[in-house]
Amino acid sequence: GEPSGLGYSLVLVVLAIAVMFTAWPRLGRTLVLYAFFARIPVVVLTYVALENGWDTHYTKLPAGTTLPEGTSAFTFLAMPQLTFWIVATLMLGGLFGCLGAVLGGRGAK
């Protein structure tokens, strides 16, 4: 079908960042930097793969996907990298940061 939900994804990114910066600012900053620096090379590689016609998993659209008019394949493929994976990094990183603080006997600072 036609992809939708970009607005919801962006709201989740902002909420995840807000929660992390409120709950544990130092870990939040670290995770946001890590999340973006880990995803940027994937976005660049996706662009290069699409431009050069490489047949990789970075260029594959889900079966049956119809892109909305005016949406490029690159935009569609880059959005999960810059939304879902940022949120996943913050959530899982926060969870394991808290787990490490509890098991290590230190509170969040």
PDB file of N, CA and C in Angstrom:
ATOM      1  N   GLY A   1       0.819  -1.194   0.000  1.00  0.00           N
ATOM      2  CA  GLY A   1       0.000   0.000   0.000  1.00  0.00           C
ATOM      3  C   GLY A   1       0.852   1.242   0.000  1.00  0.00           C
ATOM      4  N   GLU A   2       0.180   2.340   0.146  1.00  0.00           N
ATOM      5  CA  GLU A   2       0.862   3.632   0.160  1.00  0.00           C
ATOM      6  C   GLU A   2       1.391   3.909   1.563  1.00  0.00           C
ATOM      7  N   PRO A   3       2.672   4.279   1.680  1.00  0.00           N
ATOM      8  CA  PRO A   3       3.244   4.533   3.004  1.00  0.00           C
ATOM      9  C   PRO A   3       2.637   5.781   3.637  1.00  0.00           C
ATOM     10  N   SER A   4       2.481   5.732   4.929  1.00  0.00           N
ATOM     11  CA  SER A   4       1.999   6.893   5.672  1.00  0.00           C
ATOM     12  C   SER A   4       2.606   6.828   7.065  1.00  0.00           C
ATOM     13  N   GLY A   5       2.417   7.880   7.832  1.00  0.00           N
ATOM     14  CA  GLY A   5       2.882   7.854   9.209  1.00  0.00           C
ATOM     15  C   GLY A   5       4.161   8.601   9.477  1.00  0.00           C
ATOM     16  N   LEU A   6       4.677   9.344   8.499  1.00  0.00           N
ATOM     17  CA  LEU A   6       5.918  10.077   8.738  1.00  0.00           C
ATOM     18  C   LEU A   6       5.748  11.072   9.880  1.00  0.00           C
ATOM     19  N   GLY A   7       4.619  11.743   9.916  1.00  0.00           N
ATOM     20  CA  GLY A   7       4.369  12.709  10.992  1.00  0.00           C
ATOM     21  C   GLY A   7       4.420  12.053  12.357  1.00  0.00           C
ATOM     22  N   TYR A   8       3.802  10.869  12.469  1.00  0.00           N
ATOM     23  CA  TYR A   8       3.832  10.134  13.733  1.00  0.00           C
ATOM     24  C   TYR A   8       5.258   9.739  14.105  1.00  0.00           C
ATOM     25  N   SER A   9       6.029   9.330  13.124  1.00  0.00           N
ATOM     26  CA  SER A   9       7.411   8.933  13.377  1.00  0.00           C
ATOM     27  C   SER A   9       8.230  10.101  13.899  1.00  0.00           C
ATOM     28  N   LEU A  10       8.042  11.265  13.298  1.00  0.00           N
ATOM     29  CA  LEU A  10       8.796  12.434  13.747  1.00  0.00           C
ATOM     30  C   LEU A  10       8.397  12.855  15.154  1.00  0.00           C
ATOM     31  N   VAL A  11       7.123  12.727  15.482  1.00  0.00           N
ATOM     32  CA  VAL A  11       6.665  13.029  16.846  1.00  0.00           C
ATOM     33  C   VAL A  11       7.315  12.054  17.831  1.00  0.00           C
ATOM     34  N   LEU A  12       7.406  10.771  17.468  1.00  0.00           N
ATOM     35  CA  LEU A  12       8.058   9.790  18.337  1.00  0.00           C
ATOM     36  C   LEU A  12       9.531  10.117  18.551  1.00  0.00           C
ATOM     37  N   VAL A  13      10.209  10.578  17.515  1.00  0.00           N
ATOM     38  CA  VAL A  13      11.614  10.966  17.658  1.00  0.00           C
ATOM     39  C   VAL A  13      11.737  12.093  18.668  1.00  0.00           C
ATOM     40  N   VAL A  14      10.912  13.123  18.520  1.00  0.00           N
ATOM     41  CA  VAL A  14      10.967  14.273  19.429  1.00  0.00           C
ATOM     42  C   VAL A  14      10.628  13.841  20.859  1.00  0.00           C
ATOM     43  N   LEU A  15       9.601  13.012  21.030  1.00  0.00           N
ATOM     44  CA  LEU A  15       9.237  12.531  22.361  1.00  0.00           C
ATOM     45  C   LEU A  15      10.345  11.696  22.982  1.00  0.00           C
ATOM     46  N   ALA A  16      10.947  10.810  22.200  1.00  0.00           N
ATOM     47  CA  ALA A  16      12.028   9.966  22.724  1.00  0.00           C
ATOM     48  C   ALA A  16      13.206  10.823  23.173  1.00  0.00           C
ATOM     49  N   ILE A  17      13.545  11.826  22.376  1.00  0.00           N
ATOM     50  CA  ILE A  17      14.650  12.719  22.746  1.00  0.00           C
ATOM     51  C   ILE A  17      14.289  13.500  24.003  1.00  0.00           C
ATOM     52  N   ALA A  18      13.061  14.009  24.084  1.00  0.00           N
ATOM     53  CA  ALA A  18      12.624  14.776  25.255  1.00  0.00           C
ATOM     54  C   ALA A  18      12.663  13.919  26.521  1.00  0.00           C
ATOM     55  N   VAL A  19      12.189  12.677  26.421  1.00  0.00           N
ATOM     56  CA  VAL A  19      12.195  11.795  27.590  1.00  0.00           C
ATOM     57  C   VAL A  19      13.621  11.515  28.034  1.00  0.00           C
ATOM     58  N   MET A  20      14.496  11.202  27.102  1.00  0.00           N
ATOM     59  CA  MET A  20      15.886  10.889  27.464  1.00  0.00           C
ATOM     60  C   MET A  20      16.587  12.096  28.071  1.00  0.00           C
ATOM     61  N   PHE A  21      16.359  13.283  27.508  1.00  0.00           N
ATOM     62  CA  PHE A  21      17.032  14.470  28.030  1.00  0.00           C
ATOM     63  C   PHE A  21      16.463  14.868  29.390  1.00  0.00           C
ATOM     64  N   THR A  22      15.212  14.544  29.651  1.00  0.00           N
ATOM     65  CA  THR A  22      14.616  14.832  30.950  1.00  0.00           C
ATOM     66  C   THR A  22      15.077  13.819  31.989  1.00  0.00           C
ATOM     67  N   ALA A  23      15.034  12.549  31.624  1.00  0.00           N
ATOM     68  CA  ALA A  23      15.353  11.481  32.568  1.00  0.00           C
ATOM     69  C   ALA A  23      16.855  11.395  32.872  1.00  0.00           C
ATOM     70  N   TRP A  24      17.676  11.537  31.856  1.00  0.00           N
ATOM     71  CA  TRP A  24      19.106  11.333  32.051  1.00  0.00           C
ATOM     72  C   TRP A  24      19.845  12.115  30.949  1.00  0.00           C
ATOM     73  N   PRO A  25      20.050  13.405  31.159  1.00  0.00           N
ATOM     74  CA  PRO A  25      20.583  14.272  30.099  1.00  0.00           C
ATOM     75  C   PRO A  25      21.914  13.804  29.501  1.00  0.00           C
ATOM     76  N   ARG A  26      22.803  13.353  30.339  1.00  0.00           N
ATOM     77  CA  ARG A  26      24.123  12.952  29.827  1.00  0.00           C
ATOM     78  C   ARG A  26      24.017  11.722  28.918  1.00  0.00           C
ATOM     79  N   LEU A  27      23.256  10.734  29.349  1.00  0.00           N
ATOM     80  CA  LEU A  27      23.041   9.547  28.516  1.00  0.00           C
ATOM     81  C   LEU A  27      22.244   9.924  27.268  1.00  0.00           C
ATOM     82  N   GLY A  28      21.270  10.814  27.419  1.00  0.00           N
ATOM     83  CA  GLY A  28      20.479  11.270  26.278  1.00  0.00           C
ATOM     84  C   GLY A  28      21.334  11.891  25.190  1.00  0.00           C
ATOM     85  N   ARG A  29      22.241  12.788  25.580  1.00  0.00           N
ATOM     86  CA  ARG A  29      23.145  13.407  24.597  1.00  0.00           C
ATOM     87  C   ARG A  29      24.001  12.364  23.897  1.00  0.00           C
ATOM     88  N   THR A  30      24.530  11.440  24.679  1.00  0.00           N
ATOM     89  CA  THR A  30      25.380  10.392  24.113  1.00  0.00           C
ATOM     90  C   THR A  30      24.605   9.537  23.115  1.00  0.00           C
ATOM     91  N   LEU A  31      23.392   9.143  23.493  1.00  0.00           N
ATOM     92  CA  LEU A  31      22.595   8.280  22.619  1.00  0.00           C
ATOM     93  C   LEU A  31      22.138   9.006  21.359  1.00  0.00           C
ATOM     94  N   VAL A  32      21.787  10.280  21.470  1.00  0.00           N
ATOM     95  CA  VAL A  32      21.376  11.040  20.274  1.00  0.00           C
ATOM     96  C   VAL A  32      22.550  11.160  19.307  1.00  0.00           C
ATOM     97  N   LEU A  33      23.714  11.495  19.824  1.00  0.00           N
ATOM     98  CA  LEU A  33      24.891  11.590  18.948  1.00  0.00           C
ATOM     99  C   LEU A  33      25.195  10.239  18.302  1.00  0.00           C
ATOM    100  N   TYR A  34      25.187   9.192  19.114  1.00  0.00           N
ATOM    101  CA  TYR A  34      25.450   7.862  18.575  1.00  0.00           C
ATOM    102  C   TYR A  34      24.419   7.490  17.513  1.00  0.00           C
ATOM    103  N   ALA A  35      23.158   7.726  17.814  1.00  0.00           N
ATOM    104  CA  ALA A  35      22.082   7.339  16.895  1.00  0.00           C
ATOM    105  C   ALA A  35      22.253   8.003  15.539  1.00  0.00           C
ATOM    106  N   PHE A  36      22.517   9.315  15.549  1.00  0.00           N
ATOM    107  CA  PHE A  36      22.671  10.010  14.273  1.00  0.00           C
ATOM    108  C   PHE A  36      23.951   9.606  13.551  1.00  0.00           C
ATOM    109  N   PHE A  37      25.054   9.491  14.290  1.00  0.00           N
ATOM    110  CA  PHE A  37      26.304   9.120  13.635  1.00  0.00           C
ATOM    111  C   PHE A  37      26.293   7.672  13.140  1.00  0.00           C
ATOM    112  N   ALA A  38      25.494   6.820  13.731  1.00  0.00           N
ATOM    113  CA  ALA A  38      25.374   5.440  13.246  1.00  0.00           C
ATOM    114  C   ALA A  38      24.481   5.363  12.012  1.00  0.00           C
ATOM    115  N   ARG A  39      23.487   6.243  11.897  1.00  0.00           N
ATOM    116  CA  ARG A  39      22.530   6.187  10.795  1.00  0.00           C
ATOM    117  C   ARG A  39      22.983   6.969   9.570  1.00  0.00           C
ATOM    118  N   ILE A  40      23.745   8.022   9.760  1.00  0.00           N
ATOM    119  CA  ILE A  40      24.169   8.857   8.622  1.00  0.00           C
ATOM    120  C   ILE A  40      24.929   8.048   7.564  1.00  0.00           C
ATOM    121  N   PRO A  41      25.886   7.191   7.940  1.00  0.00           N
ATOM    122  CA  PRO A  41      26.555   6.385   6.897  1.00  0.00           C
ATOM    123  C   PRO A  41      25.586   5.480   6.134  1.00  0.00           C
ATOM    124  N   VAL A  42      24.562   4.958   6.801  1.00  0.00           N
ATOM    125  CA  VAL A  42      23.580   4.107   6.127  1.00  0.00           C
ATOM    126  C   VAL A  42      22.784   4.928   5.116  1.00  0.00           C
ATOM    127  N   VAL A  43      22.405   6.145   5.498  1.00  0.00           N
ATOM    128  CA  VAL A  43      21.669   7.022   4.579  1.00  0.00           C
ATOM    129  C   VAL A  43      22.535   7.370   3.369  1.00  0.00           C
ATOM    130  N   VAL A  44      23.807   7.674   3.607  1.00  0.00           N
ATOM    131  CA  VAL A  44      24.726   7.992   2.502  1.00  0.00           C
ATOM    132  C   VAL A  44      24.897   6.770   1.602  1.00  0.00           C
ATOM    133  N   LEU A  45      25.080   5.615   2.185  1.00  0.00           N
ATOM    134  CA  LEU A  45      25.236   4.393   1.400  1.00  0.00           C
ATOM    135  C   LEU A  45      23.975   4.091   0.587  1.00  0.00           C
ATOM    136  N   THR A  46      22.813   4.333   1.178  1.00  0.00           N
ATOM    137  CA  THR A  46      21.558   4.142   0.454  1.00  0.00           C
ATOM    138  C   THR A  46      21.497   5.053  -0.759  1.00  0.00           C
ATOM    139  N   TYR A  47      21.873   6.310  -0.587  1.00  0.00           N
ATOM    140  CA  TYR A  47      21.872   7.263  -1.695  1.00  0.00           C
ATOM    141  C   TYR A  47      22.829   6.810  -2.805  1.00  0.00           C
ATOM    142  N   VAL A  48      24.043   6.449  -2.417  1.00  0.00           N
ATOM    143  CA  VAL A  48      25.045   6.009  -3.398  1.00  0.00           C
ATOM    144  C   VAL A  48      24.561   4.750  -4.120  1.00  0.00           C
ATOM    145  N   ALA A  49      23.979   3.815  -3.384  1.00  0.00           N
ATOM    146  CA  ALA A  49      23.486   2.572  -3.988  1.00  0.00           C
ATOM    147  C   ALA A  49      22.368   2.858  -4.985  1.00  0.00           C
ATOM    148  N   LEU A  50      21.455   3.756  -4.637  1.00  0.00           N
ATOM    149  CA  LEU A  50      20.367   4.099  -5.560  1.00  0.00           C
ATOM    150  C   LEU A  50      20.896   4.818  -6.801  1.00  0.00           C
ATOM    151  N   GLU A  51      21.802   5.738  -6.611  1.00  0.00           N
ATOM    152  CA  GLU A  51      22.352   6.507  -7.733  1.00  0.00           C
ATOM    153  C   GLU A  51      23.146   5.639  -8.705  1.00  0.00           C
ATOM    154  N   ASN A  52      23.780   4.599  -8.191  1.00  0.00           N
ATOM    155  CA  ASN A  52      24.619   3.744  -9.031  1.00  0.00           C
ATOM    156  C   ASN A  52      23.933   2.454  -9.463  1.00  0.00           C
ATOM    157  N   GLY A  53      22.657   2.305  -9.087  1.00  0.00           N
ATOM    158  CA  GLY A  53      21.907   1.131  -9.514  1.00  0.00           C
ATOM    159  C   GLY A  53      22.356  -0.164  -8.876  1.00  0.00           C
ATOM    160  N   TRP A  54      22.941  -0.067  -7.693  1.00  0.00           N
ATOM    161  CA  TRP A  54      23.362  -1.284  -7.003  1.00  0.00           C
ATOM    162  C   TRP A  54      22.120  -2.033  -6.523  1.00  0.00           C
ATOM    163  N   ASP A  55      22.140  -3.331  -6.675  1.00  0.00           N
ATOM    164  CA  ASP A  55      21.011  -4.152  -6.255  1.00  0.00           C
ATOM    165  C   ASP A  55      21.312  -4.723  -4.872  1.00  0.00           C
ATOM    166  N   THR A  56      21.121  -3.891  -3.838  1.00  0.00           N
ATOM    167  CA  THR A  56      21.407  -4.311  -2.469  1.00  0.00           C
ATOM    168  C   THR A  56      20.146  -4.184  -1.622  1.00  0.00           C
ATOM    169  N   HIS A  57      20.225  -4.650  -0.409  1.00  0.00           N
ATOM    170  CA  HIS A  57      19.082  -4.525   0.493  1.00  0.00           C
ATOM    171  C   HIS A  57      18.808  -3.067   0.838  1.00  0.00           C
ATOM    172  N   TYR A  58      19.786  -2.195   0.639  1.00  0.00           N
ATOM    173  CA  TYR A  58      19.571  -0.771   0.893  1.00  0.00           C
ATOM    174  C   TYR A  58      18.641  -0.135  -0.138  1.00  0.00           C
ATOM    175  N   THR A  59      18.480  -0.758  -1.276  1.00  0.00           N
ATOM    176  CA  THR A  59      17.672  -0.172  -2.348  1.00  0.00           C
ATOM    177  C   THR A  59      16.336  -0.875  -2.556  1.00  0.00           C
ATOM    178  N   LYS A  60      16.040  -1.872  -1.761  1.00  0.00           N
ATOM    179  CA  LYS A  60      14.812  -2.655  -1.943  1.00  0.00           C
ATOM    180  C   LYS A  60      13.633  -1.987  -1.244  1.00  0.00           C
ATOM    181  N   LEU A  61      12.538  -1.845  -1.969  1.00  0.00           N
ATOM    182  CA  LEU A  61      11.287  -1.384  -1.392  1.00  0.00           C
ATOM    183  C   LEU A  61      10.461  -2.604  -1.002  1.00  0.00           C
ATOM    184  N   PRO A  62       9.652  -2.503   0.046  1.00  0.00           N
ATOM    185  CA  PRO A  62       8.790  -3.637   0.397  1.00  0.00           C
ATOM    186  C   PRO A  62       7.874  -4.004  -0.774  1.00  0.00           C
ATOM    187  N   ALA A  63       7.597  -5.286  -0.920  1.00  0.00           N
ATOM    188  CA  ALA A  63       6.738  -5.757  -2.009  1.00  0.00           C
ATOM    189  C   ALA A  63       5.380  -5.076  -1.941  1.00  0.00           C
ATOM    190  N   GLY A  64       4.912  -4.611  -3.086  1.00  0.00           N
ATOM    191  CA  GLY A  64       3.600  -3.990  -3.175  1.00  0.00           C
ATOM    192  C   GLY A  64       3.554  -2.536  -2.750  1.00  0.00           C
ATOM    193  N   THR A  65       4.711  -1.938  -2.485  1.00  0.00           N
ATOM    194  CA  THR A  65       4.735  -0.537  -2.051  1.00  0.00           C
ATOM    195  C   THR A  65       4.532   0.388  -3.237  1.00  0.00           C
ATOM    196  N   THR A  66       3.616   1.323  -3.083  1.00  0.00           N
ATOM    197  CA  THR A  66       3.389   2.369  -4.074  1.00  0.00           C
ATOM    198  C   THR A  66       3.774   3.684  -3.426  1.00  0.00           C
ATOM    199  N   LEU A  67       4.788   4.326  -3.958  1.00  0.00           N
ATOM    200  CA  LEU A  67       5.228   5.593  -3.378  1.00  0.00           C
ATOM    201  C   LEU A  67       4.252   6.708  -3.739  1.00  0.00           C
ATOM    202  N   PRO A  68       3.966   7.596  -2.791  1.00  0.00           N
ATOM    203  CA  PRO A  68       3.112   8.737  -3.101  1.00  0.00           C
ATOM    204  C   PRO A  68       3.762   9.599  -4.182  1.00  0.00           C
ATOM    205  N   GLU A  69       2.944  10.257  -4.961  1.00  0.00           N
ATOM    206  CA  GLU A  69       3.459  11.116  -6.026  1.00  0.00           C
ATOM    207  C   GLU A  69       4.415  12.143  -5.438  1.00  0.00           C
ATOM    208  N   GLY A  70       5.562  12.286  -6.063  1.00  0.00           N
ATOM    209  CA  GLY A  70       6.558  13.253  -5.622  1.00  0.00           C
ATOM    210  C   GLY A  70       7.519  12.722  -4.566  1.00  0.00           C
ATOM    211  N   THR A  71       7.329  11.491  -4.126  1.00  0.00           N
ATOM    212  CA  THR A  71       8.226  10.896  -3.146  1.00  0.00           C
ATOM    213  C   THR A  71       9.238  10.024  -3.858  1.00  0.00           C
ATOM    214  N   SER A  72      10.495  10.266  -3.582  1.00  0.00           N
ATOM    215  CA  SER A  72      11.535   9.462  -4.213  1.00  0.00           C
ATOM    216  C   SER A  72      11.779   8.199  -3.385  1.00  0.00           C
ATOM    217  N   ALA A  73      12.351   7.211  -4.026  1.00  0.00           N
ATOM    218  CA  ALA A  73      12.701   5.974  -3.323  1.00  0.00           C
ATOM    219  C   ALA A  73      13.697   6.279  -2.207  1.00  0.00           C
ATOM    220  N   PHE A  74      14.606   7.217  -2.454  1.00  0.00           N
ATOM    221  CA  PHE A  74      15.592   7.575  -1.432  1.00  0.00           C
ATOM    222  C   PHE A  74      14.904   8.128  -0.183  1.00  0.00           C
ATOM    223  N   THR A  75      13.959   9.019  -0.366  1.00  0.00           N
ATOM    224  CA  THR A  75      13.244   9.588   0.777  1.00  0.00           C
ATOM    225  C   THR A  75      12.554   8.480   1.564  1.00  0.00           C
ATOM    226  N   PHE A  76      11.890   7.587   0.864  1.00  0.00           N
ATOM    227  CA  PHE A  76      11.180   6.493   1.515  1.00  0.00           C
ATOM    228  C   PHE A  76      12.144   5.580   2.270  1.00  0.00           C
ATOM    229  N   LEU A  77      13.287   5.270   1.675  1.00  0.00           N
ATOM    230  CA  LEU A  77      14.245   4.361   2.301  1.00  0.00           C
ATOM    231  C   LEU A  77      15.042   5.021   3.428  1.00  0.00           C
ATOM    232  N   ALA A  78      15.239   6.336   3.350  1.00  0.00           N
ATOM    233  CA  ALA A  78      16.019   7.035   4.370  1.00  0.00           C
ATOM    234  C   ALA A  78      15.207   7.337   5.632  1.00  0.00           C
ATOM    235  N   MET A  79      13.902   7.486   5.493  1.00  0.00           N
ATOM    236  CA  MET A  79      13.075   7.877   6.637  1.00  0.00           C
ATOM    237  C   MET A  79      13.141   6.919   7.823  1.00  0.00           C
ATOM    238  N   PRO A  80      13.085   5.599   7.624  1.00  0.00           N
ATOM    239  CA  PRO A  80      13.208   4.718   8.799  1.00  0.00           C
ATOM    240  C   PRO A  80      14.559   4.882   9.508  1.00  0.00           C
ATOM    241  N   GLN A  81      15.593   5.151   8.730  1.00  0.00           N
ATOM    242  CA  GLN A  81      16.912   5.333   9.332  1.00  0.00           C
ATOM    243  C   GLN A  81      16.935   6.563  10.239  1.00  0.00           C
ATOM    244  N   LEU A  82      16.210   7.596   9.848  1.00  0.00           N
ATOM    245  CA  LEU A  82      16.240   8.862  10.572  1.00  0.00           C
ATOM    246  C   LEU A  82      15.063   9.036  11.523  1.00  0.00           C
ATOM    247  N   THR A  83      14.202   8.038  11.624  1.00  0.00           N
ATOM    248  CA  THR A  83      13.089   8.120  12.570  1.00  0.00           C
ATOM    249  C   THR A  83      13.084   6.872  13.460  1.00  0.00           C
ATOM    250  N   PHE A  84      12.660   5.742  12.918  1.00  0.00           N
ATOM    251  CA  PHE A  84      12.506   4.528  13.718  1.00  0.00           C
ATOM    252  C   PHE A  84      13.799   4.145  14.438  1.00  0.00           C
ATOM    253  N   TRP A  85      14.912   4.125  13.723  1.00  0.00           N
ATOM    254  CA  TRP A  85      16.145   3.650  14.341  1.00  0.00           C
ATOM    255  C   TRP A  85      16.703   4.626  15.367  1.00  0.00           C
ATOM    256  N   ILE A  86      16.383   5.909  15.229  1.00  0.00           N
ATOM    257  CA  ILE A  86      16.781   6.884  16.252  1.00  0.00           C
ATOM    258  C   ILE A  86      16.001   6.590  17.533  1.00  0.00           C
ATOM    259  N   VAL A  87      14.675   6.414  17.395  1.00  0.00           N
ATOM    260  CA  VAL A  87      13.827   6.101  18.554  1.00  0.00           C
ATOM    261  C   VAL A  87      14.259   4.780  19.188  1.00  0.00           C
ATOM    262  N   ALA A  88      14.503   3.763  18.383  1.00  0.00           N
ATOM    263  CA  ALA A  88      14.921   2.462  18.910  1.00  0.00           C
ATOM    264  C   ALA A  88      16.234   2.580  19.676  1.00  0.00           C
ATOM    265  N   THR A  89      17.165   3.354  19.160  1.00  0.00           N
ATOM    266  CA  THR A  89      18.448   3.548  19.842  1.00  0.00           C
ATOM    267  C   THR A  89      18.249   4.240  21.185  1.00  0.00           C
ATOM    268  N   LEU A  90      17.412   5.268  21.209  1.00  0.00           N
ATOM    269  CA  LEU A  90      17.173   5.981  22.462  1.00  0.00           C
ATOM    270  C   LEU A  90      16.458   5.099  23.486  1.00  0.00           C
ATOM    271  N   MET A  91      15.473   4.374  23.031  1.00  0.00           N
ATOM    272  CA  MET A  91      14.717   3.533  23.960  1.00  0.00           C
ATOM    273  C   MET A  91      15.564   2.385  24.499  1.00  0.00           C
ATOM    274  N   LEU A  92      16.209   1.663  23.613  1.00  0.00           N
ATOM    275  CA  LEU A  92      17.016   0.529  24.063  1.00  0.00           C
ATOM    276  C   LEU A  92      18.269   0.988  24.809  1.00  0.00           C
ATOM    277  N   GLY A  93      18.880   2.060  24.332  1.00  0.00           N
ATOM    278  CA  GLY A  93      20.049   2.605  25.026  1.00  0.00           C
ATOM    279  C   GLY A  93      19.686   3.101  26.416  1.00  0.00           C
ATOM    280  N   GLY A  94      18.529   3.757  26.531  1.00  0.00           N
ATOM    281  CA  GLY A  94      18.067   4.209  27.844  1.00  0.00           C
ATOM    282  C   GLY A  94      17.777   3.048  28.768  1.00  0.00           C
ATOM    283  N   LEU A  95      17.129   2.014  28.228  1.00  0.00           N
ATOM    284  CA  LEU A  95      16.824   0.828  29.022  1.00  0.00           C
ATOM    285  C   LEU A  95      18.097   0.177  29.549  1.00  0.00           C
ATOM    286  N   PHE A  96      19.049  -0.046  28.665  1.00  0.00           N
ATOM    287  CA  PHE A  96      20.282  -0.698  29.092  1.00  0.00           C
ATOM    288  C   PHE A  96      21.164   0.221  29.935  1.00  0.00           C
ATOM    289  N   GLY A  97      21.077   1.536  29.714  1.00  0.00           N
ATOM    290  CA  GLY A  97      21.780   2.483  30.577  1.00  0.00           C
ATOM    291  C   GLY A  97      21.249   2.412  32.000  1.00  0.00           C
ATOM    292  N   CYS A  98      19.921   2.345  32.134  1.00  0.00           N
ATOM    293  CA  CYS A  98      19.302   2.232  33.459  1.00  0.00           C
ATOM    294  C   CYS A  98      19.634   0.894  34.099  1.00  0.00           C
ATOM    295  N   LEU A  99      19.577  -0.162  33.308  1.00  0.00           N
ATOM    296  CA  LEU A  99      19.930  -1.488  33.815  1.00  0.00           C
ATOM    297  C   LEU A  99      21.380  -1.503  34.299  1.00  0.00           C
ATOM    298  N   GLY A 100      22.258  -0.908  33.531  1.00  0.00           N
ATOM    299  CA  GLY A 100      23.665  -0.844  33.936  1.00  0.00           C
ATOM    300  C   GLY A 100      23.864  -0.025  35.204  1.00  0.00           C
ATOM    301  N   ALA A 101      23.107   1.074  35.336  1.00  0.00           N
ATOM    302  CA  ALA A 101      23.217   1.899  36.541  1.00  0.00           C
ATOM    303  C   ALA A 101      22.735   1.128  37.770  1.00  0.00           C
ATOM    304  N   VAL A 102      21.644   0.379  37.620  1.00  0.00           N
ATOM    305  CA  VAL A 102      21.119  -0.394  38.744  1.00  0.00           C
ATOM    306  C   VAL A 102      22.079  -1.518  39.125  1.00  0.00           C
ATOM    307  N   LEU A 103      22.538  -2.263  38.115  1.00  0.00           N
ATOM    308  CA  LEU A 103      23.422  -3.387  38.399  1.00  0.00           C
ATOM    309  C   LEU A 103      24.797  -2.928  38.869  1.00  0.00           C
ATOM    310  N   GLY A 104      25.211  -1.741  38.401  1.00  0.00           N
ATOM    311  CA  GLY A 104      26.511  -1.216  38.794  1.00  0.00           C
ATOM    312  C   GLY A 104      26.473  -0.471  40.126  1.00  0.00           C
ATOM    313  N   GLY A 105      25.271  -0.294  40.672  1.00  0.00           N
ATOM    314  CA  GLY A 105      25.176   0.357  41.966  1.00  0.00           C
ATOM    315  C   GLY A 105      25.261   1.859  41.931  1.00  0.00           C
ATOM    316  N   ARG A 106      25.120   2.466  40.763  1.00  0.00           N
ATOM    317  CA  ARG A 106      25.183   3.921  40.650  1.00  0.00           C
ATOM    318  C   ARG A 106      23.858   4.440  40.129  1.00  0.00           C
ATOM    319  N   GLY A 107      23.477   5.585  40.580  1.00  0.00           N
ATOM    320  CA  GLY A 107      22.279   6.232  40.079  1.00  0.00           C
ATOM    321  C   GLY A 107      22.599   7.046  38.843  1.00  0.00           C
ATOM    322  N   ALA A 108      21.572   7.417  38.085  1.00  0.00           N
ATOM    323  CA  ALA A 108      21.747   8.279  36.911  1.00  0.00           C
ATOM    324  C   ALA A 108      22.165   9.660  37.359  1.00  0.00           C
ATOM    325  N   LYS A 109      23.095  10.265  36.623  1.00  0.00           N
ATOM    326  CA  LYS A 109      23.571  11.619  36.975  1.00  0.00           C
ATOM    327  C   LYS A 109      23.336  12.553  35.832  1.00  0.00           C
TER     328      LYS A 109
END
